[in-house]
Amino acid sequence: QRNDRICVLNILGGESRQVTPVSHTFSGGNVVFGTSPGRKGQVLATPIGNVPVFDNVRQGLDAGLAFNTGVVYLPPAGVRDGVAELIRVNPALKKIVMVTEKVSVHDAREIRALGQGNGIDIIGGNCLGVADSWNRVRIGGALGGDKPDEVLLKGSISIFSNSGGFTTTIAQYLGTEGWGTTTLISSGKDVYIHYACRDFAHAFRNDPRSKAAVLYVEPGGYYEYGVEFGKPVVACVVGRWKT
């Protein structure tokens, strides 16, 4: 949503430093602060103003900065602890997007339990997050590329993709034929996917803006098995079985 407010873990990391300013600007300034241990007092410069940086989440909250969504750019070994910190110190937390790839299955299972136990939606890992073309907002990674205002065009098609890059590519292909989008979700490609096809199908059925959907999926696994969409869906299944 346009009124979501974001805290970014490892905001000064290589990928976040490039992606977060674009997301922040496109979304009307939705990142309230970020964390980077040992760098309290620094800022991440963006075209619409600086985003303050703290050593940890508690410091940002103590400074009076409120958020309901966490974005995780931490290294794989730190993701579980980062998620636990977000949940532990912020009762207002509603969503977490894990951009980090190669989160261990053991840690992913614990993250899943933390999310379910606290009523928090989790997306990822190894994903580019979510975007809403109607509300002009993206949360997580680089959906829509460097110029999301030119790619995320308001329309009636929802996108769900295992591949972050192809989430953007599909939106571009649709745009060239005059089709815009509603909600775009990059589910991620880690072994353990927290927001999977069944979750998407439920949201898709209940979104009156979305008249049809495009799925980009890969052979194998069980996430897409037996899913009922209730609306027209075009599925692109790519790749091949490993032998």
Protein backbone atom coordinates (compact mmCIF):
# COMPACT_ATOMS: atom_id res chain seq x y z
CA GLN A 1 0.00 0.00 0.00
CA ARG A 2 1.03 3.59 -0.55
CA ASN A 3 0.84 4.26 3.19
CA ASP A 4 3.12 1.36 4.17
CA ARG A 5 6.29 2.49 5.91
CA ILE A 6 9.51 0.57 5.49
CA CYS A 7 12.61 -0.30 7.52
CA VAL A 8 15.46 -1.74 5.43
CA LEU A 9 17.99 -4.06 7.08
CA ASN A 10 21.50 -3.63 5.66
CA ILE A 11 20.37 -0.50 3.86
CA LEU A 12 23.95 0.51 2.97
CA GLY A 13 24.79 -2.84 1.36
CA GLY A 14 25.79 -2.94 -2.30
CA GLU A 15 22.40 -3.92 -3.74
CA SER A 16 20.24 -1.88 -1.38
CA ARG A 17 22.33 1.24 -1.92
CA GLN A 18 21.42 1.07 -5.63
CA VAL A 19 17.81 -0.12 -5.40
CA THR A 20 16.36 1.54 -2.30
CA PRO A 21 16.68 5.17 -3.51
CA VAL A 22 14.68 4.32 -6.66
CA SER A 23 12.00 2.47 -4.67
CA HIS A 24 11.81 5.26 -2.10
CA THR A 25 11.37 7.92 -4.76
CA PHE A 26 8.84 5.98 -6.86
CA SER A 27 6.78 5.18 -3.76
CA GLY A 28 6.59 8.75 -2.51
CA GLY A 29 9.10 8.37 0.32
CA ASN A 30 8.07 5.15 2.06
CA VAL A 31 11.43 4.19 3.65
CA VAL A 32 11.61 5.74 7.11
CA PHE A 33 15.02 4.38 8.14
CA GLY A 34 17.48 1.57 7.66
CA THR A 35 20.02 -0.35 9.72
CA SER A 36 23.71 -1.01 9.25
CA PRO A 37 25.68 -2.00 12.37
CA GLY A 38 28.35 0.53 13.29
CA ARG A 39 27.01 3.19 10.92
CA LYS A 40 24.53 5.04 13.11
CA GLY A 41 24.32 8.66 12.05
CA GLN A 42 25.03 8.01 8.39
CA VAL A 43 22.36 8.43 5.71
CA LEU A 44 21.35 6.93 2.38
CA ALA A 45 20.94 9.75 -0.12
CA THR A 46 17.88 9.62 -2.40
CA PRO A 47 16.47 12.10 -4.94
CA ILE A 48 13.75 13.13 -2.47
CA GLY A 49 15.85 13.33 0.69
CA ASN A 50 18.17 11.40 2.97
CA VAL A 51 17.11 8.21 4.78
CA PRO A 52 18.63 7.94 8.28
CA VAL A 53 20.69 4.91 9.27
CA PHE A 54 20.89 3.27 12.73
CA ASP A 55 22.84 0.40 14.21
CA ASN A 56 19.68 -1.61 14.86
CA VAL A 57 15.91 -1.49 14.62
CA ARG A 58 15.36 -0.50 18.25
CA GLN A 59 17.38 2.68 17.79
CA GLY A 60 15.16 3.77 14.92
CA LEU A 61 11.99 3.12 16.89
CA ASP A 62 13.40 4.95 19.92
CA ALA A 63 14.02 7.92 17.62
CA GLY A 64 10.27 8.05 16.96
CA LEU A 65 10.31 6.45 13.50
CA ALA A 66 7.41 4.04 12.96
CA PHE A 67 7.13 1.32 10.31
CA ASN A 68 4.94 -1.68 9.50
CA THR A 69 7.08 -3.42 6.85
CA GLY A 70 10.63 -4.78 6.91
CA VAL A 71 12.88 -5.35 3.90
CA VAL A 72 15.84 -7.68 4.43
CA TYR A 73 19.09 -7.34 2.47
CA LEU A 74 21.22 -9.14 5.06
CA PRO A 75 23.68 -11.93 4.17
CA PRO A 76 22.05 -15.39 4.31
CA ALA A 77 23.44 -16.29 7.74
CA GLY A 78 21.95 -13.13 9.26
CA VAL A 79 18.45 -13.28 7.82
CA ARG A 80 16.83 -15.33 10.57
CA ASP A 81 18.18 -13.07 13.32
CA GLY A 82 17.18 -9.99 11.33
CA VAL A 83 13.61 -11.23 10.94
CA ALA A 84 13.49 -12.15 14.63
CA GLU A 85 14.67 -8.64 15.55
CA LEU A 86 12.00 -7.00 13.40
CA ILE A 87 9.27 -9.10 14.99
CA ARG A 88 10.58 -8.85 18.55
CA VAL A 89 10.93 -5.08 18.79
CA ASN A 90 8.04 -3.87 16.59
CA PRO A 91 4.49 -5.00 17.49
CA ALA A 92 3.17 -2.93 14.55
CA LEU A 93 4.97 -5.10 11.99
CA LYS A 94 2.72 -6.53 9.25
CA LYS A 95 4.97 -7.59 6.35
CA ILE A 96 8.53 -8.71 5.66
CA VAL A 97 10.19 -8.98 2.24
CA MET A 98 13.40 -11.03 2.13
CA VAL A 99 15.49 -10.07 -0.89
CA THR A 100 18.42 -12.24 0.26
CA GLU A 101 19.02 -15.46 -1.64
CA LYS A 102 20.17 -18.86 -0.36
CA VAL A 103 18.55 -18.66 3.05
CA SER A 104 18.98 -22.12 4.59
CA VAL A 105 15.91 -24.35 4.80
CA HIS A 106 16.39 -24.66 8.56
CA ASP A 107 16.35 -20.88 9.00
CA ALA A 108 13.46 -20.51 6.56
CA ARG A 109 11.35 -22.91 8.61
CA GLU A 110 12.03 -20.91 11.77
CA ILE A 111 11.20 -17.68 9.93
CA ARG A 112 7.93 -19.25 8.77
CA ALA A 113 7.03 -20.16 12.34
CA LEU A 114 7.84 -16.66 13.57
CA GLY A 115 5.65 -15.14 10.87
CA GLN A 116 2.72 -17.46 11.48
CA GLY A 117 2.96 -17.04 15.25
CA ASN A 118 2.79 -13.27 14.98
CA GLY A 119 0.39 -12.80 12.07
CA ILE A 120 3.03 -11.41 9.71
CA ASP A 121 3.08 -11.92 5.94
CA ILE A 122 6.51 -12.94 4.63
CA ILE A 123 7.63 -12.86 1.00
CA GLY A 124 10.85 -14.42 -0.31
CA GLY A 125 13.60 -15.32 0.05
CA ASN A 126 15.60 -14.63 -3.07
CA CYS A 127 12.87 -12.35 -4.39
CA LEU A 128 12.38 -8.80 -5.62
CA GLY A 129 9.31 -8.23 -3.49
CA VAL A 130 6.02 -6.68 -4.54
CA ALA A 131 4.75 -3.72 -6.53
CA ASP A 132 1.37 -2.10 -7.04
CA SER A 133 0.94 -0.25 -10.33
CA TRP A 134 -2.30 1.41 -9.21
CA ASN A 135 -0.90 2.85 -5.99
CA ARG A 136 2.56 3.56 -7.50
CA VAL A 137 4.56 1.69 -4.89
CA ARG A 138 7.13 -1.09 -4.75
CA ILE A 139 8.56 -2.81 -1.70
CA GLY A 140 11.74 -4.89 -1.72
CA GLY A 141 13.91 -5.14 -4.80
CA ALA A 142 14.05 -3.64 -8.26
CA LEU A 143 10.65 -4.52 -9.74
CA GLY A 144 10.16 -2.25 -12.71
CA GLY A 145 13.92 -1.78 -13.07
CA ASP A 146 15.59 1.62 -12.80
CA LYS A 147 12.53 3.39 -14.18
CA PRO A 148 9.50 1.78 -12.53
CA ASP A 149 7.28 4.70 -13.50
CA GLU A 150 7.68 3.65 -17.15
CA VAL A 151 7.17 -0.10 -16.56
CA LEU A 152 4.55 -0.35 -13.82
CA LEU A 153 1.56 0.87 -15.84
CA LYS A 154 -1.92 0.83 -14.32
CA GLY A 155 -4.10 -1.91 -15.79
CA SER A 156 -5.97 -5.14 -15.06
CA ILE A 157 -3.34 -7.92 -15.14
CA SER A 158 -1.66 -9.35 -12.05
CA ILE A 159 1.75 -11.03 -12.27
CA PHE A 160 3.21 -13.81 -10.12
CA SER A 161 6.72 -14.96 -10.99
CA ASN A 162 9.45 -17.17 -9.56
CA SER A 163 11.94 -14.93 -11.33
CA GLY A 164 12.39 -11.34 -10.20
CA GLY A 165 13.83 -10.24 -13.52
CA PHE A 166 11.00 -11.79 -15.50
CA THR A 167 8.42 -10.11 -13.28
CA THR A 168 9.63 -6.84 -14.77
CA THR A 169 10.07 -8.29 -18.27
CA ILE A 170 6.50 -9.59 -18.37
CA ALA A 171 5.20 -6.17 -17.31
CA GLN A 172 7.23 -4.63 -20.13
CA TYR A 173 5.89 -7.12 -22.68
CA LEU A 174 2.33 -6.44 -21.56
CA GLY A 175 2.90 -2.71 -21.76
CA THR A 176 4.04 -2.86 -25.37
CA GLU A 177 0.66 -4.41 -26.25
CA GLY A 178 -1.33 -1.89 -24.23
CA TRP A 179 -1.89 -4.02 -21.12
CA GLY A 180 -1.20 -2.57 -17.69
CA THR A 181 -0.84 -4.32 -14.35
CA THR A 182 -2.30 -4.35 -10.85
CA THR A 183 -0.15 -6.20 -8.32
CA LEU A 184 3.18 -7.81 -9.24
CA ILE A 185 4.74 -10.41 -6.94
CA SER A 186 8.22 -11.86 -7.22
CA SER A 187 7.85 -14.99 -5.10
CA GLY A 188 11.55 -15.87 -5.08
CA LYS A 189 13.56 -18.93 -6.05
CA ASP A 190 14.94 -20.24 -2.77
CA VAL A 191 14.10 -23.82 -1.80
CA TYR A 192 11.57 -22.57 0.75
CA ILE A 193 9.12 -19.99 -0.62
CA HIS A 194 7.06 -18.17 2.00
CA TYR A 195 4.49 -16.49 -0.28
CA ALA A 196 3.64 -19.12 -2.85
CA CYS A 197 1.21 -19.61 -5.71
CA ARG A 198 -1.69 -20.67 -3.48
CA ASP A 199 -1.40 -17.45 -1.46
CA PHE A 200 -1.32 -15.44 -4.68
CA ALA A 201 -4.39 -17.22 -6.05
CA HIS A 202 -6.39 -16.35 -2.94
CA ALA A 203 -5.45 -12.67 -3.17
CA PHE A 204 -6.02 -12.66 -6.94
CA ARG A 205 -9.55 -14.05 -6.62
CA ASN A 206 -10.42 -11.35 -4.11
CA ASP A 207 -8.92 -8.40 -5.98
CA PRO A 208 -11.62 -6.74 -8.13
CA ARG A 209 -8.96 -4.78 -10.05
CA SER A 210 -7.33 -7.95 -11.42
CA LYS A 211 -9.23 -9.51 -14.32
CA ALA A 212 -6.51 -11.99 -15.35
CA ALA A 213 -3.02 -13.07 -14.31
CA VAL A 214 0.28 -14.13 -15.82
CA LEU A 215 2.33 -16.82 -14.04
CA TYR A 216 6.01 -17.49 -14.67
CA VAL A 217 6.95 -20.80 -13.07
CA GLU A 218 9.49 -23.60 -13.42
CA PRO A 219 9.22 -27.41 -13.66
CA GLY A 220 9.22 -29.40 -10.45
CA GLY A 221 8.05 -28.70 -6.92
CA TYR A 222 4.52 -28.66 -5.59
CA TYR A 223 3.68 -25.00 -4.99
CA GLU A 224 1.41 -24.74 -8.05
CA TYR A 225 -0.27 -28.13 -7.61
CA GLY A 226 -4.07 -28.05 -7.47
CA VAL A 227 -4.37 -24.26 -7.26
CA GLU A 228 -7.75 -22.74 -8.15
CA PHE A 229 -7.56 -19.22 -9.55
CA GLY A 230 -11.18 -18.54 -10.48
CA LYS A 231 -10.13 -16.11 -13.23
CA PRO A 232 -8.23 -16.41 -16.53
CA VAL A 233 -4.54 -17.24 -16.12
CA VAL A 234 -1.72 -17.55 -18.66
CA ALA A 235 1.12 -19.69 -17.32
CA CYS A 236 4.64 -19.75 -18.73
CA VAL A 237 6.51 -22.87 -17.59
CA VAL A 238 10.19 -22.62 -18.44
CA GLY A 239 13.38 -24.60 -17.88
CA ARG A 240 13.95 -28.32 -17.78
CA TRP A 241 14.32 -31.12 -15.27
CA LYS A 242 17.77 -31.64 -13.89
CA THR A 243 19.18 -35.06 -14.72
